[in-house]
């Protein structure tokens, strides 16, 4: 159980932060940036939930899935915050990614087939989910870079797989929020040329 009795500690006033294993890194380090972007992603999903969905939709499967994703993202952040082998630490496992894949398959089965690339837009919920999707892709790029520059085993490879699938889920959920794809804004190549 996590217990926070004091919100500010002043320990980061010098531009460093402490990781979950007790080590210290500069706040601009790619590891800190990575889990910071994951936090930003969760915040955008929260915004989608409070501003993109009607109160009557708060019990929908999409709403419940997005809340579950927010919880997953805290797990992702925890995983990234503690470098090294798993041991007793919380780690993203294959089951997280498999659950996301099953949701993608379920949602995608009911969508209109695509005839072009989709531009962000349509409904309010879809627009927020497209923003979340792009932030997720940024988090994925940052984690990929971190994994490339860290020692082998310092970054859980399942985090990268999870973020990759999550961006796909956010894409299909944005299409679902656009009346199953009927209100998607489609790219028209060369339209204004």
N, C-alpha and C. Protein backbone atom coordinates (compact mmCIF):
# COMPACT_ATOMS: atom_id res chain seq x y z
N UNK A 1 0.83 -1.18 0.00
CA UNK A 1 0.00 0.00 0.00
C UNK A 1 0.88 1.25 0.00
N UNK A 2 0.49 2.21 -0.76
CA UNK A 2 1.22 3.48 -0.83
C UNK A 2 0.60 4.44 0.16
N UNK A 3 1.45 5.11 0.91
CA UNK A 3 0.98 6.10 1.88
C UNK A 3 1.79 7.37 1.67
N UNK A 4 1.11 8.45 1.33
CA UNK A 4 1.79 9.73 1.11
C UNK A 4 1.33 10.71 2.18
N UNK A 5 2.23 11.04 3.09
CA UNK A 5 1.86 11.97 4.15
C UNK A 5 2.34 13.39 3.84
N UNK A 6 3.34 13.50 2.99
CA UNK A 6 3.90 14.80 2.67
C UNK A 6 4.00 14.90 1.15
N UNK A 7 3.45 15.95 0.59
CA UNK A 7 3.42 16.10 -0.87
C UNK A 7 4.72 16.67 -1.42
N UNK A 8 5.30 17.62 -0.75
CA UNK A 8 6.56 18.16 -1.24
C UNK A 8 7.69 17.75 -0.31
N UNK A 9 8.82 17.41 -0.94
CA UNK A 9 9.98 16.96 -0.16
C UNK A 9 11.19 17.87 -0.33
N UNK A 10 11.18 18.71 -1.34
CA UNK A 10 12.27 19.61 -1.69
C UNK A 10 13.52 18.88 -2.20
N UNK A 11 13.44 17.55 -2.32
CA UNK A 11 14.62 16.80 -2.76
C UNK A 11 14.90 17.01 -4.25
N UNK A 12 13.92 17.44 -5.02
CA UNK A 12 14.13 17.66 -6.44
C UNK A 12 14.48 19.09 -6.81
N UNK A 13 14.68 19.92 -5.82
CA UNK A 13 14.96 21.34 -6.07
C UNK A 13 16.25 21.58 -6.84
N UNK A 14 17.13 20.60 -6.87
CA UNK A 14 18.40 20.76 -7.58
C UNK A 14 18.35 20.16 -8.98
N UNK A 15 17.16 19.79 -9.46
CA UNK A 15 17.02 19.25 -10.81
C UNK A 15 17.22 17.76 -10.93
N UNK A 16 17.21 17.07 -9.79
CA UNK A 16 17.32 15.61 -9.82
C UNK A 16 16.06 15.00 -9.21
N UNK A 17 15.89 13.71 -9.45
CA UNK A 17 14.78 12.99 -8.86
C UNK A 17 15.24 11.60 -8.47
N UNK A 18 14.57 11.03 -7.50
CA UNK A 18 14.93 9.72 -7.00
C UNK A 18 14.04 8.67 -7.66
N UNK A 19 14.66 7.62 -8.16
CA UNK A 19 13.92 6.51 -8.75
C UNK A 19 13.41 5.57 -7.65
N UNK A 20 12.62 4.61 -8.07
CA UNK A 20 12.05 3.66 -7.12
C UNK A 20 13.06 2.76 -6.46
N UNK A 21 14.25 2.65 -7.05
CA UNK A 21 15.30 1.83 -6.43
C UNK A 21 16.23 2.65 -5.54
N UNK A 22 15.93 3.94 -5.39
CA UNK A 22 16.74 4.80 -4.54
C UNK A 22 17.83 5.56 -5.27
N UNK A 23 18.11 5.20 -6.52
CA UNK A 23 19.14 5.92 -7.27
C UNK A 23 18.59 7.28 -7.70
N UNK A 24 19.49 8.17 -8.06
CA UNK A 24 19.12 9.54 -8.42
C UNK A 24 19.53 9.82 -9.87
N UNK A 25 18.64 10.49 -10.59
CA UNK A 25 18.90 10.88 -11.98
C UNK A 25 18.50 12.33 -12.18
N UNK A 26 19.08 12.99 -13.19
CA UNK A 26 18.59 14.33 -13.53
C UNK A 26 17.16 14.22 -14.05
N UNK A 27 16.35 15.22 -13.81
CA UNK A 27 14.95 15.19 -14.23
C UNK A 27 14.78 15.15 -15.74
N UNK A 28 15.83 15.53 -16.48
CA UNK A 28 15.75 15.48 -17.94
C UNK A 28 16.23 14.15 -18.51
N UNK A 29 16.61 13.21 -17.67
CA UNK A 29 17.06 11.89 -18.14
C UNK A 29 15.93 11.20 -18.89
N UNK A 30 16.29 10.43 -19.89
CA UNK A 30 15.29 9.77 -20.74
C UNK A 30 14.38 8.84 -19.95
N UNK A 31 14.87 8.24 -18.89
CA UNK A 31 14.01 7.37 -18.07
C UNK A 31 12.91 8.21 -17.40
N UNK A 32 13.29 9.34 -16.85
CA UNK A 32 12.31 10.21 -16.18
C UNK A 32 11.35 10.80 -17.22
N UNK A 33 11.89 11.21 -18.36
CA UNK A 33 11.05 11.72 -19.44
C UNK A 33 10.03 10.66 -19.88
N UNK A 34 10.47 9.41 -19.97
CA UNK A 34 9.59 8.33 -20.41
C UNK A 34 8.41 8.14 -19.47
N UNK A 35 8.68 8.02 -18.18
CA UNK A 35 7.53 7.80 -17.30
C UNK A 35 6.74 9.08 -17.08
N UNK A 36 7.36 10.24 -17.32
CA UNK A 36 6.61 11.50 -17.30
C UNK A 36 5.62 11.58 -18.46
N UNK A 37 6.03 11.10 -19.63
CA UNK A 37 5.13 11.09 -20.78
C UNK A 37 4.01 10.08 -20.57
N UNK A 38 4.29 8.97 -19.91
CA UNK A 38 3.24 8.01 -19.58
C UNK A 38 2.21 8.66 -18.65
N UNK A 39 2.67 9.47 -17.71
CA UNK A 39 1.77 10.21 -16.82
C UNK A 39 0.93 11.21 -17.63
N UNK A 40 1.57 11.90 -18.57
CA UNK A 40 0.85 12.83 -19.44
C UNK A 40 -0.23 12.10 -20.24
N UNK A 41 0.10 10.92 -20.74
CA UNK A 41 -0.87 10.11 -21.48
C UNK A 41 -2.09 9.80 -20.61
N UNK A 42 -1.86 9.38 -19.39
CA UNK A 42 -2.96 9.07 -18.48
C UNK A 42 -3.82 10.31 -18.23
N UNK A 43 -3.18 11.47 -18.16
CA UNK A 43 -3.92 12.72 -17.96
C UNK A 43 -4.82 13.03 -19.15
N UNK A 44 -4.33 12.79 -20.36
CA UNK A 44 -5.17 13.02 -21.54
C UNK A 44 -6.33 12.03 -21.59
N UNK A 45 -6.09 10.80 -21.17
CA UNK A 45 -7.19 9.84 -21.11
C UNK A 45 -8.21 10.30 -20.08
N UNK A 46 -7.74 10.82 -18.95
CA UNK A 46 -8.66 11.37 -17.94
C UNK A 46 -9.48 12.51 -18.50
N UNK A 47 -8.86 13.37 -19.29
CA UNK A 47 -9.58 14.47 -19.92
C UNK A 47 -10.63 13.94 -20.89
N UNK A 48 -10.27 12.93 -21.65
CA UNK A 48 -11.24 12.30 -22.57
C UNK A 48 -12.43 11.76 -21.79
N UNK A 49 -12.17 11.16 -20.65
CA UNK A 49 -13.24 10.56 -19.86
C UNK A 49 -14.19 11.60 -19.27
N UNK A 50 -13.64 12.73 -18.81
CA UNK A 50 -14.53 13.72 -18.17
C UNK A 50 -15.16 14.69 -19.15
N UNK A 51 -14.52 14.91 -20.31
CA UNK A 51 -15.05 15.91 -21.24
C UNK A 51 -15.55 15.31 -22.55
N UNK A 52 -15.19 14.07 -22.83
CA UNK A 52 -15.58 13.48 -24.10
C UNK A 52 -16.75 12.53 -24.03
N UNK A 53 -17.13 12.15 -22.83
CA UNK A 53 -18.21 11.18 -22.66
C UNK A 53 -19.35 11.79 -21.86
N UNK A 54 -20.55 11.45 -22.25
CA UNK A 54 -21.74 11.89 -21.50
C UNK A 54 -21.84 11.06 -20.21
N UNK A 55 -22.48 11.62 -19.17
CA UNK A 55 -22.64 10.84 -17.93
C UNK A 55 -23.29 9.47 -18.17
N UNK A 56 -24.17 9.38 -19.16
CA UNK A 56 -24.82 8.10 -19.44
C UNK A 56 -23.83 7.07 -19.99
N UNK A 57 -22.68 7.53 -20.49
CA UNK A 57 -21.68 6.62 -21.04
C UNK A 57 -20.65 6.17 -20.01
N UNK A 58 -20.77 6.68 -18.79
CA UNK A 58 -19.77 6.37 -17.77
C UNK A 58 -19.78 4.90 -17.35
N UNK A 59 -20.84 4.19 -17.70
CA UNK A 59 -20.87 2.76 -17.40
C UNK A 59 -20.60 1.92 -18.64
N UNK A 60 -20.21 2.56 -19.75
CA UNK A 60 -19.95 1.84 -20.99
C UNK A 60 -18.67 1.02 -20.88
N UNK A 61 -18.55 0.05 -21.75
CA UNK A 61 -17.36 -0.79 -21.79
C UNK A 61 -16.13 0.05 -22.13
N UNK A 62 -16.28 1.01 -23.04
CA UNK A 62 -15.16 1.89 -23.40
C UNK A 62 -14.68 2.67 -22.20
N UNK A 63 -15.61 3.23 -21.45
CA UNK A 63 -15.26 4.01 -20.26
C UNK A 63 -14.50 3.13 -19.26
N UNK A 64 -15.00 1.92 -19.00
CA UNK A 64 -14.34 1.00 -18.06
C UNK A 64 -12.95 0.60 -18.55
N UNK A 65 -12.84 0.38 -19.85
CA UNK A 65 -11.53 0.00 -20.40
C UNK A 65 -10.53 1.14 -20.25
N UNK A 66 -10.96 2.35 -20.52
CA UNK A 66 -10.04 3.49 -20.39
C UNK A 66 -9.62 3.70 -18.94
N UNK A 67 -10.52 3.50 -18.00
CA UNK A 67 -10.15 3.59 -16.58
C UNK A 67 -9.13 2.50 -16.23
N UNK A 68 -9.32 1.29 -16.79
CA UNK A 68 -8.36 0.21 -16.54
C UNK A 68 -7.00 0.57 -17.14
N UNK A 69 -7.01 1.19 -18.32
CA UNK A 69 -5.76 1.62 -18.96
C UNK A 69 -5.05 2.64 -18.08
N UNK A 70 -5.79 3.57 -17.49
CA UNK A 70 -5.15 4.55 -16.61
C UNK A 70 -4.44 3.85 -15.45
N UNK A 71 -5.05 2.82 -14.90
CA UNK A 71 -4.41 2.07 -13.83
C UNK A 71 -3.17 1.36 -14.36
N UNK A 72 -3.29 0.75 -15.55
CA UNK A 72 -2.13 0.11 -16.18
C UNK A 72 -0.98 1.10 -16.34
N UNK A 73 -1.32 2.33 -16.74
CA UNK A 73 -0.26 3.31 -16.99
C UNK A 73 0.49 3.67 -15.72
N UNK A 74 -0.17 3.61 -14.58
CA UNK A 74 0.56 3.79 -13.32
C UNK A 74 1.52 2.63 -13.11
N UNK A 75 1.09 1.42 -13.48
CA UNK A 75 1.97 0.26 -13.41
C UNK A 75 3.15 0.42 -14.36
N UNK A 76 2.89 0.93 -15.58
CA UNK A 76 3.96 1.18 -16.54
C UNK A 76 4.96 2.18 -15.96
N UNK A 77 4.46 3.26 -15.38
CA UNK A 77 5.33 4.26 -14.76
C UNK A 77 6.16 3.66 -13.64
N UNK A 78 5.54 2.81 -12.84
CA UNK A 78 6.26 2.14 -11.75
C UNK A 78 7.35 1.24 -12.31
N UNK A 79 7.03 0.52 -13.37
CA UNK A 79 8.01 -0.36 -14.01
C UNK A 79 9.20 0.46 -14.51
N UNK A 80 8.94 1.57 -15.18
CA UNK A 80 10.01 2.42 -15.72
C UNK A 80 10.81 3.12 -14.62
N UNK A 81 10.18 3.36 -13.49
CA UNK A 81 10.81 4.09 -12.39
C UNK A 81 11.80 3.22 -11.61
N UNK A 82 11.74 1.90 -11.83
CA UNK A 82 12.63 0.99 -11.12
C UNK A 82 13.41 0.18 -12.15
N UNK A 83 14.61 0.63 -12.52
CA UNK A 83 15.37 -0.09 -13.53
C UNK A 83 15.87 -1.44 -13.02
N UNK A 84 16.17 -2.32 -13.95
CA UNK A 84 16.77 -3.59 -13.59
C UNK A 84 15.80 -4.75 -13.68
N UNK A 85 16.27 -5.88 -13.20
CA UNK A 85 15.49 -7.11 -13.26
C UNK A 85 14.28 -7.04 -12.33
N UNK A 86 13.29 -7.87 -12.62
CA UNK A 86 12.01 -7.80 -11.92
C UNK A 86 12.12 -8.05 -10.42
N UNK A 87 12.56 -9.23 -10.04
CA UNK A 87 12.61 -9.54 -8.62
C UNK A 87 11.25 -9.35 -7.97
N UNK A 88 11.19 -8.56 -6.92
CA UNK A 88 9.94 -8.30 -6.20
C UNK A 88 9.20 -7.09 -6.73
N UNK A 89 9.73 -6.47 -7.78
CA UNK A 89 9.18 -5.21 -8.27
C UNK A 89 7.99 -5.44 -9.20
N UNK A 90 7.11 -4.47 -9.26
CA UNK A 90 5.97 -4.52 -10.17
C UNK A 90 6.48 -4.40 -11.59
N UNK A 91 6.10 -5.33 -12.45
CA UNK A 91 6.51 -5.33 -13.85
C UNK A 91 5.29 -5.56 -14.74
N UNK A 92 5.30 -4.89 -15.87
CA UNK A 92 4.29 -5.14 -16.88
C UNK A 92 4.57 -6.52 -17.46
N UNK A 93 3.54 -7.34 -17.53
CA UNK A 93 3.70 -8.70 -18.06
C UNK A 93 2.95 -8.84 -19.38
N UNK A 94 3.16 -9.94 -20.01
CA UNK A 94 2.52 -10.23 -21.30
C UNK A 94 0.99 -10.17 -21.19
N UNK A 95 0.45 -10.50 -20.03
CA UNK A 95 -1.01 -10.50 -19.86
C UNK A 95 -1.61 -9.10 -20.06
N UNK A 96 -0.88 -8.05 -19.72
CA UNK A 96 -1.37 -6.69 -19.94
C UNK A 96 -1.57 -6.46 -21.44
N UNK A 97 -0.56 -6.83 -22.22
CA UNK A 97 -0.59 -6.63 -23.66
C UNK A 97 -1.66 -7.51 -24.31
N UNK A 98 -1.77 -8.73 -23.87
CA UNK A 98 -2.77 -9.64 -24.43
C UNK A 98 -4.20 -9.13 -24.18
N UNK A 99 -4.43 -8.54 -23.02
CA UNK A 99 -5.75 -7.97 -22.72
C UNK A 99 -6.06 -6.83 -23.69
N UNK A 100 -5.07 -5.97 -23.93
CA UNK A 100 -5.25 -4.86 -24.87
C UNK A 100 -5.54 -5.40 -26.27
N UNK A 101 -4.81 -6.43 -26.68
CA UNK A 101 -5.03 -7.02 -28.00
C UNK A 101 -6.45 -7.57 -28.14
N UNK A 102 -6.96 -8.20 -27.10
CA UNK A 102 -8.33 -8.74 -27.17
C UNK A 102 -9.34 -7.60 -27.28
N UNK A 103 -9.11 -6.50 -26.59
CA UNK A 103 -10.00 -5.35 -26.70
C UNK A 103 -9.95 -4.75 -28.11
N UNK A 104 -8.76 -4.66 -28.69
CA UNK A 104 -8.63 -4.13 -30.05
C UNK A 104 -9.46 -4.99 -31.00
N UNK A 105 -9.32 -6.30 -30.90
CA UNK A 105 -10.05 -7.21 -31.79
C UNK A 105 -11.56 -7.04 -31.63
N UNK A 106 -12.02 -6.93 -30.38
CA UNK A 106 -13.46 -6.77 -30.13
C UNK A 106 -14.00 -5.47 -30.72
N UNK A 107 -13.30 -4.36 -30.47
CA UNK A 107 -13.77 -3.06 -30.93
C UNK A 107 -13.67 -2.97 -32.45
N UNK A 108 -12.56 -3.42 -33.01
CA UNK A 108 -12.33 -3.30 -34.45
C UNK A 108 -13.35 -4.10 -35.26
N UNK A 109 -13.85 -5.19 -34.71
CA UNK A 109 -14.81 -6.04 -35.42
C UNK A 109 -16.08 -5.28 -35.79
N UNK A 110 -16.43 -4.25 -35.02
CA UNK A 110 -17.67 -3.50 -35.26
C UNK A 110 -17.46 -2.20 -36.02
N UNK A 111 -16.25 -1.92 -36.46
CA UNK A 111 -15.97 -0.65 -37.13
C UNK A 111 -16.16 -0.75 -38.65
N UNK A 112 -16.50 0.42 -39.24
CA UNK A 112 -16.56 0.52 -40.69
C UNK A 112 -15.16 0.24 -41.25
N UNK A 113 -15.07 -0.50 -42.36
CA UNK A 113 -13.74 -0.71 -42.96
C UNK A 113 -13.13 0.63 -43.38
N UNK A 114 -11.81 0.73 -43.28
CA UNK A 114 -11.13 1.97 -43.65
C UNK A 114 -10.84 2.01 -45.15
N UNK A 115 -11.06 3.19 -45.74
CA UNK A 115 -10.74 3.39 -47.15
C UNK A 115 -9.63 4.43 -47.32
N UNK A 116 -9.19 5.02 -46.22
CA UNK A 116 -8.14 6.02 -46.23
C UNK A 116 -7.59 6.16 -44.81
N UNK A 117 -6.53 6.94 -44.66
CA UNK A 117 -6.04 7.24 -43.33
C UNK A 117 -7.04 8.17 -42.65
N UNK A 118 -7.06 8.12 -41.32
CA UNK A 118 -8.01 8.91 -40.54
C UNK A 118 -7.29 10.14 -39.98
N UNK A 119 -7.89 11.30 -40.16
CA UNK A 119 -7.39 12.52 -39.56
C UNK A 119 -7.99 12.65 -38.16
N UNK A 120 -7.23 13.19 -37.20
CA UNK A 120 -7.81 13.39 -35.87
C UNK A 120 -9.02 14.32 -35.94
N UNK A 121 -10.09 13.94 -35.32
CA UNK A 121 -11.29 14.78 -35.31
C UNK A 121 -12.54 13.94 -35.21
N UNK A 122 -13.64 14.56 -35.58
CA UNK A 122 -14.94 13.89 -35.46
C UNK A 122 -15.61 14.34 -34.19
N UNK A 123 -15.92 13.41 -33.33
CA UNK A 123 -16.57 13.75 -32.07
C UNK A 123 -15.53 14.25 -31.06
N UNK A 124 -16.03 14.83 -29.99
CA UNK A 124 -15.15 15.33 -28.92
C UNK A 124 -14.34 14.18 -28.32
N UNK A 125 -15.01 13.07 -28.01
CA UNK A 125 -14.32 11.92 -27.41
C UNK A 125 -13.24 11.40 -28.36
N UNK A 126 -13.58 11.28 -29.64
CA UNK A 126 -12.61 10.78 -30.62
C UNK A 126 -11.41 11.70 -30.71
N UNK A 127 -11.64 13.00 -30.67
CA UNK A 127 -10.55 13.96 -30.77
C UNK A 127 -9.60 13.83 -29.58
N UNK A 128 -10.15 13.70 -28.38
CA UNK A 128 -9.31 13.51 -27.20
C UNK A 128 -8.53 12.20 -27.29
N UNK A 129 -9.17 11.15 -27.78
CA UNK A 129 -8.50 9.86 -27.89
C UNK A 129 -7.39 9.90 -28.93
N UNK A 130 -7.57 10.70 -29.99
CA UNK A 130 -6.48 10.87 -30.95
C UNK A 130 -5.29 11.59 -30.31
N UNK A 131 -5.55 12.59 -29.48
CA UNK A 131 -4.45 13.25 -28.77
C UNK A 131 -3.75 12.23 -27.86
N UNK A 132 -4.53 11.44 -27.14
CA UNK A 132 -3.93 10.42 -26.27
C UNK A 132 -3.11 9.43 -27.09
N UNK A 133 -3.60 9.07 -28.27
CA UNK A 133 -2.86 8.14 -29.14
C UNK A 133 -1.50 8.72 -29.53
N UNK A 134 -1.46 10.00 -29.86
CA UNK A 134 -0.18 10.60 -30.27
C UNK A 134 0.78 10.73 -29.09
N UNK A 135 0.25 11.00 -27.91
CA UNK A 135 1.10 11.04 -26.72
C UNK A 135 1.62 9.64 -26.41
N UNK A 136 0.78 8.63 -26.62
CA UNK A 136 1.21 7.25 -26.42
C UNK A 136 2.34 6.89 -27.37
N UNK A 137 2.24 7.33 -28.62
CA UNK A 137 3.31 7.07 -29.59
C UNK A 137 4.61 7.76 -29.16
N UNK A 138 4.50 8.95 -28.59
CA UNK A 138 5.70 9.64 -28.10
C UNK A 138 6.32 8.86 -26.94
N UNK A 139 5.48 8.39 -26.02
CA UNK A 139 5.98 7.58 -24.91
C UNK A 139 6.68 6.33 -25.44
N UNK A 140 6.09 5.73 -26.45
CA UNK A 140 6.69 4.53 -27.05
C UNK A 140 8.06 4.85 -27.64
N UNK A 141 8.18 5.97 -28.35
CA UNK A 141 9.48 6.36 -28.92
C UNK A 141 10.51 6.61 -27.82
N UNK A 142 10.10 7.25 -26.74
CA UNK A 142 11.02 7.54 -25.65
C UNK A 142 11.49 6.27 -24.96
N UNK A 143 10.56 5.32 -24.74
CA UNK A 143 10.94 4.05 -24.11
C UNK A 143 11.85 3.26 -25.04
N UNK A 144 11.59 3.30 -26.35
CA UNK A 144 12.46 2.62 -27.31
C UNK A 144 13.88 3.20 -27.26
N UNK A 145 13.97 4.52 -27.20
CA UNK A 145 15.29 5.16 -27.10
C UNK A 145 15.97 4.79 -25.79
N UNK A 146 15.22 4.79 -24.71
CA UNK A 146 15.78 4.42 -23.40
C UNK A 146 16.32 2.99 -23.45
N UNK A 147 15.56 2.08 -24.03
CA UNK A 147 15.99 0.68 -24.11
C UNK A 147 17.25 0.54 -24.94
N UNK A 148 17.38 1.38 -25.96
CA UNK A 148 18.55 1.32 -26.84
C UNK A 148 19.81 1.78 -26.12
N UNK A 149 19.69 2.75 -25.23
CA UNK A 149 20.87 3.33 -24.59
C UNK A 149 21.17 2.76 -23.21
N UNK A 150 20.25 2.03 -22.63
CA UNK A 150 20.48 1.44 -21.30
C UNK A 150 21.08 0.04 -21.46
N UNK A 151 21.63 -0.47 -20.39
CA UNK A 151 22.13 -1.84 -20.39
C UNK A 151 20.97 -2.80 -20.61
N UNK A 152 21.27 -3.95 -21.21
CA UNK A 152 20.23 -4.95 -21.44
C UNK A 152 19.59 -5.34 -20.11
N UNK A 153 18.28 -5.42 -20.10
CA UNK A 153 17.55 -5.78 -18.89
C UNK A 153 17.15 -4.59 -18.04
N UNK A 154 17.66 -3.39 -18.37
CA UNK A 154 17.32 -2.20 -17.58
C UNK A 154 15.94 -1.66 -17.92
N UNK A 155 15.41 -2.07 -19.08
CA UNK A 155 14.06 -1.66 -19.49
C UNK A 155 13.29 -2.93 -19.85
N UNK A 156 12.15 -3.10 -19.23
CA UNK A 156 11.30 -4.25 -19.49
C UNK A 156 10.76 -4.16 -20.93
N UNK A 157 11.07 -5.13 -21.81
CA UNK A 157 10.61 -5.05 -23.19
C UNK A 157 9.09 -5.11 -23.32
N UNK A 158 8.42 -5.64 -22.32
CA UNK A 158 6.95 -5.71 -22.39
C UNK A 158 6.32 -4.33 -22.29
N UNK A 159 7.02 -3.37 -21.66
CA UNK A 159 6.51 -1.99 -21.60
C UNK A 159 6.37 -1.44 -23.02
N UNK A 160 7.37 -1.69 -23.83
CA UNK A 160 7.34 -1.20 -25.21
C UNK A 160 6.21 -1.86 -26.00
N UNK A 161 6.05 -3.17 -25.84
CA UNK A 161 4.95 -3.87 -26.53
C UNK A 161 3.60 -3.34 -26.06
N UNK A 162 3.45 -3.16 -24.75
CA UNK A 162 2.19 -2.65 -24.22
C UNK A 162 1.85 -1.28 -24.81
N UNK A 163 2.80 -0.36 -24.82
CA UNK A 163 2.55 0.98 -25.36
C UNK A 163 2.22 0.93 -26.84
N UNK A 164 2.88 0.05 -27.58
CA UNK A 164 2.59 -0.10 -29.00
C UNK A 164 1.15 -0.54 -29.21
N UNK A 165 0.69 -1.53 -28.46
CA UNK A 165 -0.70 -2.00 -28.59
C UNK A 165 -1.68 -0.96 -28.07
N UNK A 166 -1.29 -0.25 -27.02
CA UNK A 166 -2.19 0.75 -26.46
C UNK A 166 -2.49 1.84 -27.49
N UNK A 167 -1.49 2.28 -28.23
CA UNK A 167 -1.76 3.31 -29.25
C UNK A 167 -2.73 2.78 -30.29
N UNK A 168 -2.65 1.48 -30.62
CA UNK A 168 -3.61 0.88 -31.54
C UNK A 168 -5.01 0.85 -30.93
N UNK A 169 -5.09 0.53 -29.65
CA UNK A 169 -6.39 0.53 -28.97
C UNK A 169 -6.99 1.93 -28.98
N UNK A 170 -6.19 2.92 -28.68
CA UNK A 170 -6.70 4.30 -28.67
C UNK A 170 -7.20 4.70 -30.06
N UNK A 171 -6.54 4.21 -31.11
CA UNK A 171 -6.98 4.49 -32.47
C UNK A 171 -8.36 3.87 -32.73
N UNK A 172 -8.52 2.58 -32.41
CA UNK A 172 -9.82 1.95 -32.68
C UNK A 172 -10.91 2.51 -31.77
N UNK A 173 -10.56 2.89 -30.54
CA UNK A 173 -11.57 3.51 -29.67
C UNK A 173 -11.98 4.88 -30.19
N UNK A 174 -11.03 5.61 -30.79
CA UNK A 174 -11.39 6.91 -31.38
C UNK A 174 -12.35 6.70 -32.55
N UNK A 175 -12.13 5.68 -33.32
CA UNK A 175 -13.04 5.37 -34.43
C UNK A 175 -14.40 4.93 -33.90
N UNK A 176 -14.41 4.15 -32.84
CA UNK A 176 -15.68 3.73 -32.24
C UNK A 176 -16.45 4.95 -31.73
N UNK A 177 -15.72 5.92 -31.17
CA UNK A 177 -16.35 7.15 -30.67
C UNK A 177 -16.87 8.02 -31.82
N UNK A 178 -16.43 7.75 -33.02
CA UNK A 178 -16.92 8.44 -34.22
C UNK A 178 -18.01 7.60 -34.89
N UNK A 179 -18.98 7.19 -34.10
CA UNK A 179 -20.11 6.41 -34.59
C UNK A 179 -19.65 5.16 -35.35
N UNK A 180 -18.69 4.46 -34.76
CA UNK A 180 -18.20 3.24 -35.37
C UNK A 180 -17.42 3.47 -36.64
N UNK A 181 -16.91 4.67 -36.81
CA UNK A 181 -16.13 5.01 -37.99
C UNK A 181 -16.90 5.83 -39.01
N UNK A 182 -18.22 5.92 -38.83
CA UNK A 182 -19.05 6.67 -39.80
C UNK A 182 -18.74 8.16 -39.80
N UNK A 183 -18.28 8.69 -38.67
CA UNK A 183 -17.96 10.12 -38.58
C UNK A 183 -16.46 10.39 -38.64
N UNK A 184 -15.68 9.38 -39.02
CA UNK A 184 -14.25 9.60 -39.16
C UNK A 184 -13.98 10.68 -40.19
N UNK A 185 -12.96 11.46 -39.93
CA UNK A 185 -12.50 12.46 -40.89
C UNK A 185 -11.38 11.80 -41.69
N UNK A 186 -11.60 11.59 -42.97
CA UNK A 186 -10.64 10.85 -43.79
C UNK A 186 -9.69 11.78 -44.53
N UNK A 187 -8.47 11.33 -44.66
CA UNK A 187 -7.46 12.03 -45.43
C UNK A 187 -7.79 11.90 -46.92
N UNK A 188 -7.73 13.02 -47.62
CA UNK A 188 -7.91 13.04 -49.07
C UNK A 188 -6.57 13.51 -49.65
N UNK A 189 -5.77 12.58 -50.18
CA UNK A 189 -4.45 12.96 -50.69
C UNK A 189 -4.53 14.04 -51.77
N UNK A 190 -3.73 15.08 -51.62
CA UNK A 190 -3.67 16.14 -52.62
C UNK A 190 -4.90 17.01 -52.73
N UNK A 191 -5.77 16.96 -51.76
CA UNK A 191 -7.06 17.69 -51.83
C UNK A 191 -6.87 19.18 -52.07
N UNK A 192 -5.86 19.78 -51.48
CA UNK A 192 -5.70 21.23 -51.58
C UNK A 192 -4.52 21.63 -52.47
N UNK A 193 -4.01 20.69 -53.25
CA UNK A 193 -2.83 20.95 -54.06
C UNK A 193 -3.10 21.65 -55.35
